[in-house]
Amino acid sequence: LAVAVLAAGAVALALPLVRAQRLRALLPERLRPHAREVRDTLLAYGRDRRLVAFVLGLGLVYQALTVASLAMVARAIELDLDFALAAVVLPLVLVATLFPISVAGFGVREGGFIVLLDQAGFSAADATLLSLLSVVAMALATSPGALALLTSGERAALPAPASGDR
């Protein structure tokens, strides 16, 4: 709830900045077309309140399913991790993995689970196993999509380099 309130506050503070023309003078000339595109996109999304509500709802459902999957992995290895505790621990651990100090968050994720679940009485071995199995579960859950992307034959379109770029 606190993160949602902070995010809403950040959006409320950012909207006037997006609309401000004075920001354009602060940006380098090369970034202005990209910034204009981002601004126009954000303003278009901001005008469609139904779309914003729908995407927010989808995001909340996705997060709840992610937490539920962690609770189910814990249940599979006979750990008594309830949904509420998983809902507190998982976001903190995932935010910690965003720091670029390890490859794919390995080590940081396990350390986060160990530190946070220790407070709830879980052993370091159980927390580490839960962390590693949650990565395996996520990899298995996303593998059909990865396979579809790999076999689709489509390549991501890269923008053509500008005349002065190499």
N, C-alpha and C. Protein backbone atom coordinates (compact mmCIF):
# COMPACT_ATOMS: atom_id res chain seq x y z
N LEU A 1 0.83 -1.19 0.00
CA LEU A 1 0.00 0.00 0.00
C LEU A 1 0.87 1.25 0.00
N ALA A 2 1.93 1.21 0.79
CA ALA A 2 2.83 2.37 0.86
C ALA A 2 3.51 2.60 -0.48
N VAL A 3 3.92 1.53 -1.14
CA VAL A 3 4.57 1.67 -2.45
C VAL A 3 3.58 2.22 -3.47
N ALA A 4 2.33 1.76 -3.42
CA ALA A 4 1.32 2.26 -4.35
C ALA A 4 1.06 3.75 -4.13
N VAL A 5 1.00 4.16 -2.87
CA VAL A 5 0.79 5.58 -2.56
C VAL A 5 1.98 6.41 -3.04
N LEU A 6 3.20 5.91 -2.81
CA LEU A 6 4.39 6.63 -3.29
C LEU A 6 4.42 6.71 -4.81
N ALA A 7 4.05 5.64 -5.48
CA ALA A 7 4.03 5.66 -6.94
C ALA A 7 3.00 6.65 -7.46
N ALA A 8 1.82 6.67 -6.86
CA ALA A 8 0.80 7.63 -7.26
C ALA A 8 1.27 9.06 -7.02
N GLY A 9 1.95 9.29 -5.91
CA GLY A 9 2.50 10.62 -5.63
C GLY A 9 3.56 11.01 -6.63
N ALA A 10 4.41 10.06 -7.01
CA ALA A 10 5.45 10.34 -8.00
C ALA A 10 4.83 10.69 -9.34
N VAL A 11 3.78 9.98 -9.72
CA VAL A 11 3.10 10.29 -10.98
C VAL A 11 2.47 11.67 -10.90
N ALA A 12 1.84 11.97 -9.78
CA ALA A 12 1.20 13.28 -9.62
C ALA A 12 2.23 14.41 -9.69
N LEU A 13 3.42 14.17 -9.17
CA LEU A 13 4.47 15.19 -9.24
C LEU A 13 5.10 15.26 -10.62
N ALA A 14 5.15 14.13 -11.32
CA ALA A 14 5.81 14.09 -12.63
C ALA A 14 4.95 14.69 -13.73
N LEU A 15 3.64 14.62 -13.61
CA LEU A 15 2.78 15.13 -14.69
C LEU A 15 3.01 16.61 -14.99
N PRO A 16 3.09 17.48 -13.98
CA PRO A 16 3.39 18.88 -14.32
C PRO A 16 4.75 19.03 -15.01
N LEU A 17 5.71 18.23 -14.62
CA LEU A 17 7.03 18.30 -15.25
C LEU A 17 6.96 17.86 -16.71
N VAL A 18 6.13 16.86 -16.98
CA VAL A 18 5.99 16.37 -18.35
C VAL A 18 5.37 17.45 -19.23
N ARG A 19 4.46 18.21 -18.66
CA ARG A 19 3.78 19.24 -19.43
C ARG A 19 4.61 20.54 -19.56
N ALA A 20 5.62 20.69 -18.73
CA ALA A 20 6.39 21.93 -18.72
C ALA A 20 7.27 22.06 -19.95
N GLN A 21 7.19 23.17 -20.62
CA GLN A 21 8.01 23.43 -21.79
C GLN A 21 9.43 23.85 -21.41
N ARG A 22 9.61 24.29 -20.18
CA ARG A 22 10.93 24.74 -19.74
C ARG A 22 11.94 23.61 -19.68
N LEU A 23 11.46 22.39 -19.51
CA LEU A 23 12.37 21.25 -19.45
C LEU A 23 13.10 21.04 -20.77
N ARG A 24 12.47 21.44 -21.85
CA ARG A 24 13.07 21.24 -23.17
C ARG A 24 14.42 21.95 -23.27
N ALA A 25 14.55 23.08 -22.65
CA ALA A 25 15.80 23.83 -22.71
C ALA A 25 16.92 23.11 -21.96
N LEU A 26 16.57 22.27 -21.01
CA LEU A 26 17.58 21.57 -20.23
C LEU A 26 18.11 20.32 -20.93
N LEU A 27 17.36 19.81 -21.91
CA LEU A 27 17.77 18.59 -22.60
C LEU A 27 18.71 18.86 -23.76
N PRO A 28 19.68 18.00 -23.96
CA PRO A 28 20.52 18.13 -25.15
C PRO A 28 19.68 17.95 -26.41
N GLU A 29 20.10 18.55 -27.48
CA GLU A 29 19.34 18.51 -28.74
C GLU A 29 19.08 17.09 -29.22
N ARG A 30 20.05 16.19 -29.02
CA ARG A 30 19.88 14.80 -29.48
C ARG A 30 18.76 14.07 -28.76
N LEU A 31 18.49 14.45 -27.51
CA LEU A 31 17.47 13.76 -26.73
C LEU A 31 16.07 14.34 -26.90
N ARG A 32 15.96 15.50 -27.47
CA ARG A 32 14.65 16.17 -27.54
C ARG A 32 13.60 15.38 -28.32
N PRO A 33 13.91 14.79 -29.47
CA PRO A 33 12.86 14.02 -30.16
C PRO A 33 12.38 12.82 -29.33
N HIS A 34 13.32 12.16 -28.65
CA HIS A 34 12.94 11.02 -27.82
C HIS A 34 12.12 11.47 -26.62
N ALA A 35 12.52 12.56 -26.00
CA ALA A 35 11.79 13.09 -24.86
C ALA A 35 10.39 13.53 -25.27
N ARG A 36 10.26 14.11 -26.46
CA ARG A 36 8.95 14.53 -26.96
C ARG A 36 8.05 13.30 -27.15
N GLU A 37 8.62 12.23 -27.69
CA GLU A 37 7.84 11.01 -27.89
C GLU A 37 7.40 10.42 -26.55
N VAL A 38 8.29 10.40 -25.57
CA VAL A 38 7.94 9.89 -24.24
C VAL A 38 6.85 10.76 -23.62
N ARG A 39 7.01 12.08 -23.72
CA ARG A 39 6.02 13.00 -23.17
C ARG A 39 4.66 12.80 -23.81
N ASP A 40 4.61 12.71 -25.14
CA ASP A 40 3.35 12.52 -25.83
C ASP A 40 2.68 11.20 -25.46
N THR A 41 3.49 10.16 -25.32
CA THR A 41 2.95 8.86 -24.93
C THR A 41 2.38 8.90 -23.53
N LEU A 42 3.12 9.49 -22.58
CA LEU A 42 2.64 9.58 -21.20
C LEU A 42 1.37 10.41 -21.10
N LEU A 43 1.31 11.49 -21.85
CA LEU A 43 0.10 12.32 -21.82
C LEU A 43 -1.09 11.58 -22.41
N ALA A 44 -0.86 10.83 -23.49
CA ALA A 44 -1.95 10.06 -24.09
C ALA A 44 -2.46 9.00 -23.12
N TYR A 45 -1.54 8.31 -22.45
CA TYR A 45 -1.97 7.31 -21.47
C TYR A 45 -2.67 7.97 -20.30
N GLY A 46 -2.19 9.11 -19.87
CA GLY A 46 -2.78 9.81 -18.74
C GLY A 46 -4.20 10.27 -19.01
N ARG A 47 -4.56 10.52 -20.27
CA ARG A 47 -5.91 10.95 -20.62
C ARG A 47 -6.90 9.77 -20.61
N ASP A 48 -6.42 8.56 -20.78
CA ASP A 48 -7.29 7.40 -20.83
C ASP A 48 -7.34 6.74 -19.44
N ARG A 49 -8.23 7.23 -18.61
CA ARG A 49 -8.30 6.77 -17.23
C ARG A 49 -8.71 5.29 -17.14
N ARG A 50 -9.55 4.84 -18.05
CA ARG A 50 -9.95 3.42 -18.03
C ARG A 50 -8.74 2.53 -18.31
N LEU A 51 -7.89 2.95 -19.25
CA LEU A 51 -6.69 2.17 -19.55
C LEU A 51 -5.75 2.15 -18.36
N VAL A 52 -5.57 3.29 -17.71
CA VAL A 52 -4.70 3.35 -16.54
C VAL A 52 -5.23 2.44 -15.44
N ALA A 53 -6.54 2.48 -15.19
CA ALA A 53 -7.13 1.62 -14.16
C ALA A 53 -6.98 0.15 -14.53
N PHE A 54 -7.19 -0.17 -15.80
CA PHE A 54 -7.07 -1.56 -16.25
C PHE A 54 -5.64 -2.06 -16.09
N VAL A 55 -4.66 -1.26 -16.50
CA VAL A 55 -3.25 -1.67 -16.39
C VAL A 55 -2.85 -1.77 -14.92
N LEU A 56 -3.31 -0.85 -14.10
CA LEU A 56 -3.03 -0.92 -12.67
C LEU A 56 -3.61 -2.20 -12.07
N GLY A 57 -4.83 -2.53 -12.46
CA GLY A 57 -5.45 -3.76 -11.99
C GLY A 57 -4.69 -5.00 -12.43
N LEU A 58 -4.27 -5.02 -13.70
CA LEU A 58 -3.48 -6.15 -14.19
C LEU A 58 -2.16 -6.27 -13.43
N GLY A 59 -1.54 -5.14 -13.14
CA GLY A 59 -0.29 -5.15 -12.40
C GLY A 59 -0.47 -5.72 -11.00
N LEU A 60 -1.55 -5.34 -10.35
CA LEU A 60 -1.81 -5.86 -9.00
C LEU A 60 -2.10 -7.36 -9.03
N VAL A 61 -2.85 -7.81 -10.05
CA VAL A 61 -3.12 -9.24 -10.18
C VAL A 61 -1.82 -10.00 -10.42
N TYR A 62 -0.96 -9.46 -11.29
CA TYR A 62 0.32 -10.11 -11.57
C TYR A 62 1.16 -10.22 -10.30
N GLN A 63 1.22 -9.14 -9.54
CA GLN A 63 2.01 -9.17 -8.30
C GLN A 63 1.44 -10.18 -7.31
N ALA A 64 0.11 -10.25 -7.19
CA ALA A 64 -0.51 -11.22 -6.30
C ALA A 64 -0.19 -12.64 -6.74
N LEU A 65 -0.22 -12.89 -8.05
CA LEU A 65 0.11 -14.23 -8.55
C LEU A 65 1.58 -14.57 -8.31
N THR A 66 2.45 -13.58 -8.43
CA THR A 66 3.87 -13.81 -8.16
C THR A 66 4.10 -14.18 -6.70
N VAL A 67 3.44 -13.46 -5.81
CA VAL A 67 3.56 -13.77 -4.38
C VAL A 67 2.95 -15.14 -4.09
N ALA A 68 1.81 -15.44 -4.72
CA ALA A 68 1.17 -16.75 -4.51
C ALA A 68 2.08 -17.87 -5.01
N SER A 69 2.79 -17.64 -6.12
CA SER A 69 3.68 -18.68 -6.62
C SER A 69 4.83 -18.93 -5.63
N LEU A 70 5.34 -17.87 -5.01
CA LEU A 70 6.38 -18.06 -4.00
C LEU A 70 5.83 -18.84 -2.80
N ALA A 71 4.62 -18.52 -2.39
CA ALA A 71 4.00 -19.25 -1.27
C ALA A 71 3.79 -20.72 -1.64
N MET A 72 3.43 -20.99 -2.89
CA MET A 72 3.24 -22.38 -3.34
C MET A 72 4.57 -23.13 -3.42
N VAL A 73 5.63 -22.46 -3.86
CA VAL A 73 6.96 -23.10 -3.87
C VAL A 73 7.37 -23.43 -2.44
N ALA A 74 7.11 -22.51 -1.52
CA ALA A 74 7.43 -22.77 -0.11
C ALA A 74 6.62 -23.95 0.41
N ARG A 75 5.38 -24.02 0.02
CA ARG A 75 4.54 -25.14 0.46
C ARG A 75 5.05 -26.46 -0.11
N ALA A 76 5.55 -26.42 -1.36
CA ALA A 76 6.06 -27.64 -2.00
C ALA A 76 7.26 -28.22 -1.26
N ILE A 77 8.05 -27.36 -0.62
CA ILE A 77 9.21 -27.85 0.14
C ILE A 77 8.92 -27.86 1.64
N GLU A 78 7.62 -27.81 1.95
CA GLU A 78 7.12 -27.93 3.32
C GLU A 78 7.62 -26.83 4.25
N LEU A 79 7.66 -25.61 3.73
CA LEU A 79 7.93 -24.44 4.57
C LEU A 79 6.60 -23.77 4.87
N ASP A 80 6.43 -23.31 6.07
CA ASP A 80 5.19 -22.66 6.48
C ASP A 80 5.30 -21.15 6.24
N LEU A 81 5.33 -20.78 4.97
CA LEU A 81 5.42 -19.37 4.57
C LEU A 81 4.04 -18.93 4.12
N ASP A 82 3.39 -18.11 4.91
CA ASP A 82 2.06 -17.68 4.52
C ASP A 82 2.13 -16.54 3.50
N PHE A 83 0.98 -16.26 2.88
CA PHE A 83 0.91 -15.29 1.81
C PHE A 83 1.34 -13.90 2.28
N ALA A 84 0.94 -13.51 3.45
CA ALA A 84 1.26 -12.17 3.96
C ALA A 84 2.76 -11.97 4.11
N LEU A 85 3.44 -12.97 4.66
CA LEU A 85 4.89 -12.87 4.82
C LEU A 85 5.57 -12.86 3.45
N ALA A 86 5.10 -13.69 2.54
CA ALA A 86 5.66 -13.70 1.18
C ALA A 86 5.44 -12.34 0.50
N ALA A 87 4.29 -11.72 0.75
CA ALA A 87 3.98 -10.42 0.15
C ALA A 87 4.87 -9.31 0.69
N VAL A 88 5.40 -9.49 1.88
CA VAL A 88 6.32 -8.49 2.44
C VAL A 88 7.75 -8.76 1.98
N VAL A 89 8.16 -10.02 2.00
CA VAL A 89 9.55 -10.37 1.72
C VAL A 89 9.87 -10.25 0.22
N LEU A 90 9.02 -10.79 -0.64
CA LEU A 90 9.34 -10.86 -2.07
C LEU A 90 9.62 -9.50 -2.71
N PRO A 91 8.78 -8.48 -2.52
CA PRO A 91 9.10 -7.20 -3.16
C PRO A 91 10.43 -6.60 -2.69
N LEU A 92 10.73 -6.75 -1.41
CA LEU A 92 11.99 -6.23 -0.89
C LEU A 92 13.18 -6.94 -1.53
N VAL A 93 13.07 -8.24 -1.67
CA VAL A 93 14.15 -9.01 -2.28
C VAL A 93 14.29 -8.66 -3.76
N LEU A 94 13.16 -8.53 -4.45
CA LEU A 94 13.22 -8.21 -5.88
C LEU A 94 13.80 -6.82 -6.13
N VAL A 95 13.49 -5.88 -5.28
CA VAL A 95 14.09 -4.54 -5.42
C VAL A 95 15.59 -4.61 -5.18
N ALA A 96 16.01 -5.41 -4.22
CA ALA A 96 17.45 -5.55 -3.95
C ALA A 96 18.18 -6.17 -5.14
N THR A 97 17.52 -7.04 -5.89
CA THR A 97 18.18 -7.67 -7.04
C THR A 97 18.35 -6.71 -8.21
N LEU A 98 17.71 -5.57 -8.15
CA LEU A 98 17.85 -4.59 -9.24
C LEU A 98 19.20 -3.89 -9.23
N PHE A 99 19.87 -3.88 -8.11
CA PHE A 99 21.18 -3.24 -8.05
C PHE A 99 22.17 -4.06 -8.85
N PRO A 100 22.92 -3.43 -9.72
CA PRO A 100 23.82 -4.18 -10.63
C PRO A 100 25.12 -4.62 -9.95
N ILE A 101 24.98 -5.47 -8.95
CA ILE A 101 26.17 -5.94 -8.25
C ILE A 101 26.36 -7.44 -8.38
N SER A 102 25.48 -8.09 -9.13
CA SER A 102 25.61 -9.53 -9.34
C SER A 102 25.01 -9.90 -10.69
N VAL A 103 25.26 -11.11 -11.11
CA VAL A 103 24.70 -11.59 -12.38
C VAL A 103 23.30 -12.14 -12.11
N ALA A 104 22.31 -11.53 -12.74
CA ALA A 104 20.90 -11.93 -12.61
C ALA A 104 20.41 -11.92 -11.17
N GLY A 105 21.05 -11.18 -10.30
CA GLY A 105 20.61 -11.08 -8.92
C GLY A 105 20.99 -12.24 -8.03
N PHE A 106 21.71 -13.24 -8.60
CA PHE A 106 22.09 -14.39 -7.77
C PHE A 106 23.03 -13.94 -6.67
N GLY A 107 22.82 -14.47 -5.52
CA GLY A 107 23.60 -14.07 -4.35
C GLY A 107 22.88 -12.99 -3.58
N VAL A 108 22.49 -11.94 -4.28
CA VAL A 108 21.75 -10.85 -3.63
C VAL A 108 20.36 -11.36 -3.24
N ARG A 109 19.71 -12.07 -4.17
CA ARG A 109 18.38 -12.61 -3.89
C ARG A 109 18.44 -13.60 -2.72
N GLU A 110 19.41 -14.50 -2.75
CA GLU A 110 19.52 -15.49 -1.68
C GLU A 110 19.83 -14.81 -0.34
N GLY A 111 20.73 -13.85 -0.36
CA GLY A 111 21.05 -13.11 0.86
C GLY A 111 19.84 -12.37 1.40
N GLY A 112 19.06 -11.78 0.50
CA GLY A 112 17.85 -11.08 0.93
C GLY A 112 16.85 -12.01 1.58
N PHE A 113 16.65 -13.17 0.96
CA PHE A 113 15.74 -14.14 1.56
C PHE A 113 16.26 -14.61 2.92
N ILE A 114 17.57 -14.86 3.00
CA ILE A 114 18.14 -15.32 4.27
C ILE A 114 17.94 -14.28 5.36
N VAL A 115 18.26 -13.03 5.08
CA VAL A 115 18.15 -11.97 6.10
C VAL A 115 16.70 -11.76 6.51
N LEU A 116 15.80 -11.67 5.54
CA LEU A 116 14.41 -11.35 5.87
C LEU A 116 13.67 -12.54 6.49
N LEU A 117 13.91 -13.73 5.96
CA LEU A 117 13.20 -14.89 6.50
C LEU A 117 13.78 -15.36 7.83
N ASP A 118 15.02 -14.97 8.12
CA ASP A 118 15.61 -15.28 9.42
C ASP A 118 14.79 -14.64 10.53
N GLN A 119 14.29 -13.44 10.25
CA GLN A 119 13.48 -12.74 11.25
C GLN A 119 12.18 -13.48 11.54
N ALA A 120 11.75 -14.32 10.59
CA ALA A 120 10.51 -15.08 10.77
C ALA A 120 10.80 -16.50 11.25
N GLY A 121 12.06 -16.82 11.52
CA GLY A 121 12.40 -18.12 12.07
C GLY A 121 12.77 -19.19 11.06
N PHE A 122 13.03 -18.81 9.81
CA PHE A 122 13.44 -19.78 8.79
C PHE A 122 14.96 -19.91 8.79
N SER A 123 15.46 -21.11 8.53
CA SER A 123 16.90 -21.31 8.49
C SER A 123 17.48 -20.76 7.19
N ALA A 124 18.77 -20.53 7.19
CA ALA A 124 19.45 -20.03 5.99
C ALA A 124 19.34 -21.04 4.84
N ALA A 125 19.43 -22.32 5.16
CA ALA A 125 19.32 -23.35 4.12
C ALA A 125 17.94 -23.34 3.49
N ASP A 126 16.89 -23.22 4.30
CA ASP A 126 15.53 -23.18 3.77
C ASP A 126 15.30 -21.93 2.93
N ALA A 127 15.79 -20.80 3.39
CA ALA A 127 15.63 -19.55 2.65
C ALA A 127 16.37 -19.60 1.31
N THR A 128 17.57 -20.18 1.32
CA THR A 128 18.34 -20.30 0.07
C THR A 128 17.65 -21.24 -0.90
N LEU A 129 17.16 -22.36 -0.40
CA LEU A 129 16.44 -23.30 -1.26
C LEU A 129 15.19 -22.67 -1.84
N LEU A 130 14.45 -21.94 -1.03
CA LEU A 130 13.26 -21.24 -1.51
C LEU A 130 13.62 -20.25 -2.61
N SER A 131 14.68 -19.50 -2.41
CA SER A 131 15.11 -18.52 -3.39
C SER A 131 15.47 -19.19 -4.72
N LEU A 132 16.27 -20.23 -4.66
CA LEU A 132 16.70 -20.91 -5.89
C LEU A 132 15.52 -21.60 -6.59
N LEU A 133 14.63 -22.19 -5.83
CA LEU A 133 13.47 -22.83 -6.45
C LEU A 133 12.50 -21.81 -7.05
N SER A 134 12.43 -20.63 -6.45
CA SER A 134 11.56 -19.60 -7.03
C SER A 134 12.11 -19.14 -8.38
N VAL A 135 13.44 -19.10 -8.52
CA VAL A 135 14.04 -18.76 -9.82
C VAL A 135 13.74 -19.85 -10.83
N VAL A 136 13.85 -21.11 -10.42
CA VAL A 136 13.56 -22.23 -11.32
C VAL A 136 12.09 -22.18 -11.74
N ALA A 137 11.19 -21.93 -10.79
CA ALA A 137 9.77 -21.86 -11.11
C ALA A 137 9.48 -20.74 -12.10
N MET A 138 10.11 -19.59 -11.92
CA MET A 138 9.91 -18.47 -12.84
C MET A 138 10.47 -18.80 -14.22
N ALA A 139 11.62 -19.45 -14.27
CA ALA A 139 12.20 -19.84 -15.55
C ALA A 139 11.30 -20.83 -16.28
N LEU A 140 10.75 -21.79 -15.56
CA LEU A 140 9.84 -22.75 -16.18
C LEU A 140 8.55 -22.08 -16.65
N ALA A 141 8.04 -21.15 -15.85
CA ALA A 141 6.79 -20.49 -16.20
C ALA A 141 6.95 -19.59 -17.42
N THR A 142 8.11 -19.01 -17.61
CA THR A 142 8.31 -18.10 -18.73
C THR A 142 8.92 -18.77 -19.96
N SER A 143 9.31 -20.04 -19.84
CA SER A 143 9.96 -20.70 -20.97
C SER A 143 9.06 -20.85 -22.20
N PRO A 144 7.75 -21.07 -22.09
CA PRO A 144 6.95 -21.10 -23.32
C PRO A 144 6.98 -19.78 -24.08
N GLY A 145 6.95 -18.69 -23.37
CA GLY A 145 7.03 -17.39 -24.04
C GLY A 145 8.39 -17.16 -24.68
N ALA A 146 9.45 -17.58 -23.99
CA ALA A 146 10.79 -17.45 -24.56
C ALA A 146 10.92 -18.31 -25.80
N LEU A 147 10.39 -19.51 -25.75
CA LEU A 147 10.43 -20.40 -26.91
C LEU A 147 9.66 -19.81 -28.08
N ALA A 148 8.51 -19.23 -27.80
CA ALA A 148 7.71 -18.59 -28.85
C ALA A 148 8.47 -17.44 -29.49
N LEU A 149 9.15 -16.65 -28.68
CA LEU A 149 9.93 -15.54 -29.23
C LEU A 149 11.10 -16.04 -30.08
N LEU A 150 11.75 -17.09 -29.62
CA LEU A 150 12.91 -17.62 -30.35
C LEU A 150 12.52 -18.25 -31.68
N THR A 151 11.35 -18.86 -31.73
CA THR A 151 10.95 -19.57 -32.94
C THR A 151 10.08 -18.73 -33.87
N SER A 152 9.73 -17.52 -33.47
CA SER A 152 8.84 -16.71 -34.30
C SER A 152 9.53 -16.21 -35.57
N GLY A 153 10.83 -16.15 -35.56
CA GLY A 153 11.55 -15.69 -36.74
C GLY A 153 11.61 -14.18 -36.87
N GLU A 154 10.93 -13.46 -36.01
CA GLU A 154 10.97 -12.01 -36.07
C GLU A 154 12.15 -11.50 -35.27
N ARG A 155 12.75 -10.46 -35.76
CA ARG A 155 13.87 -9.83 -35.07
C ARG A 155 13.44 -8.44 -34.62
N ALA A 156 13.97 -8.01 -33.52
CA ALA A 156 13.68 -6.67 -33.03
C ALA A 156 14.26 -5.67 -34.01
N ALA A 157 13.46 -4.69 -34.34
CA ALA A 157 13.91 -3.66 -35.27
C ALA A 157 14.75 -2.64 -34.52
N LEU A 158 15.97 -2.45 -34.98
CA LEU A 158 16.85 -1.44 -34.39
C LEU A 158 16.73 -0.17 -35.20
N PRO A 159 16.77 0.99 -34.53
CA PRO A 159 16.68 2.23 -35.30
C PRO A 159 17.92 2.39 -36.18
N ALA A 160 17.70 2.96 -37.33
CA ALA A 160 18.82 3.20 -38.25
C ALA A 160 19.72 4.26 -37.63
N PRO A 161 21.05 4.08 -37.73
CA PRO A 161 21.95 5.08 -37.16
C PRO A 161 21.85 6.41 -37.88
N ALA A 162 22.03 7.48 -37.13
CA ALA A 162 22.01 8.81 -37.73
C ALA A 162 23.23 8.94 -38.64
N SER A 163 23.19 9.91 -39.51
CA SER A 163 24.23 10.05 -40.52
C SER A 163 25.62 10.26 -39.90
N GLY A 164 25.69 10.88 -38.73
CA GLY A 164 26.99 11.13 -38.10
C GLY A 164 27.43 10.02 -37.15
N ASP A 165 26.52 9.09 -36.85
CA ASP A 165 26.85 8.01 -35.90
C ASP A 165 27.58 6.87 -36.60
N ARG A 166 28.39 6.18 -35.86
CA ARG A 166 29.09 5.01 -36.41
C ARG A 166 28.56 3.77 -35.79
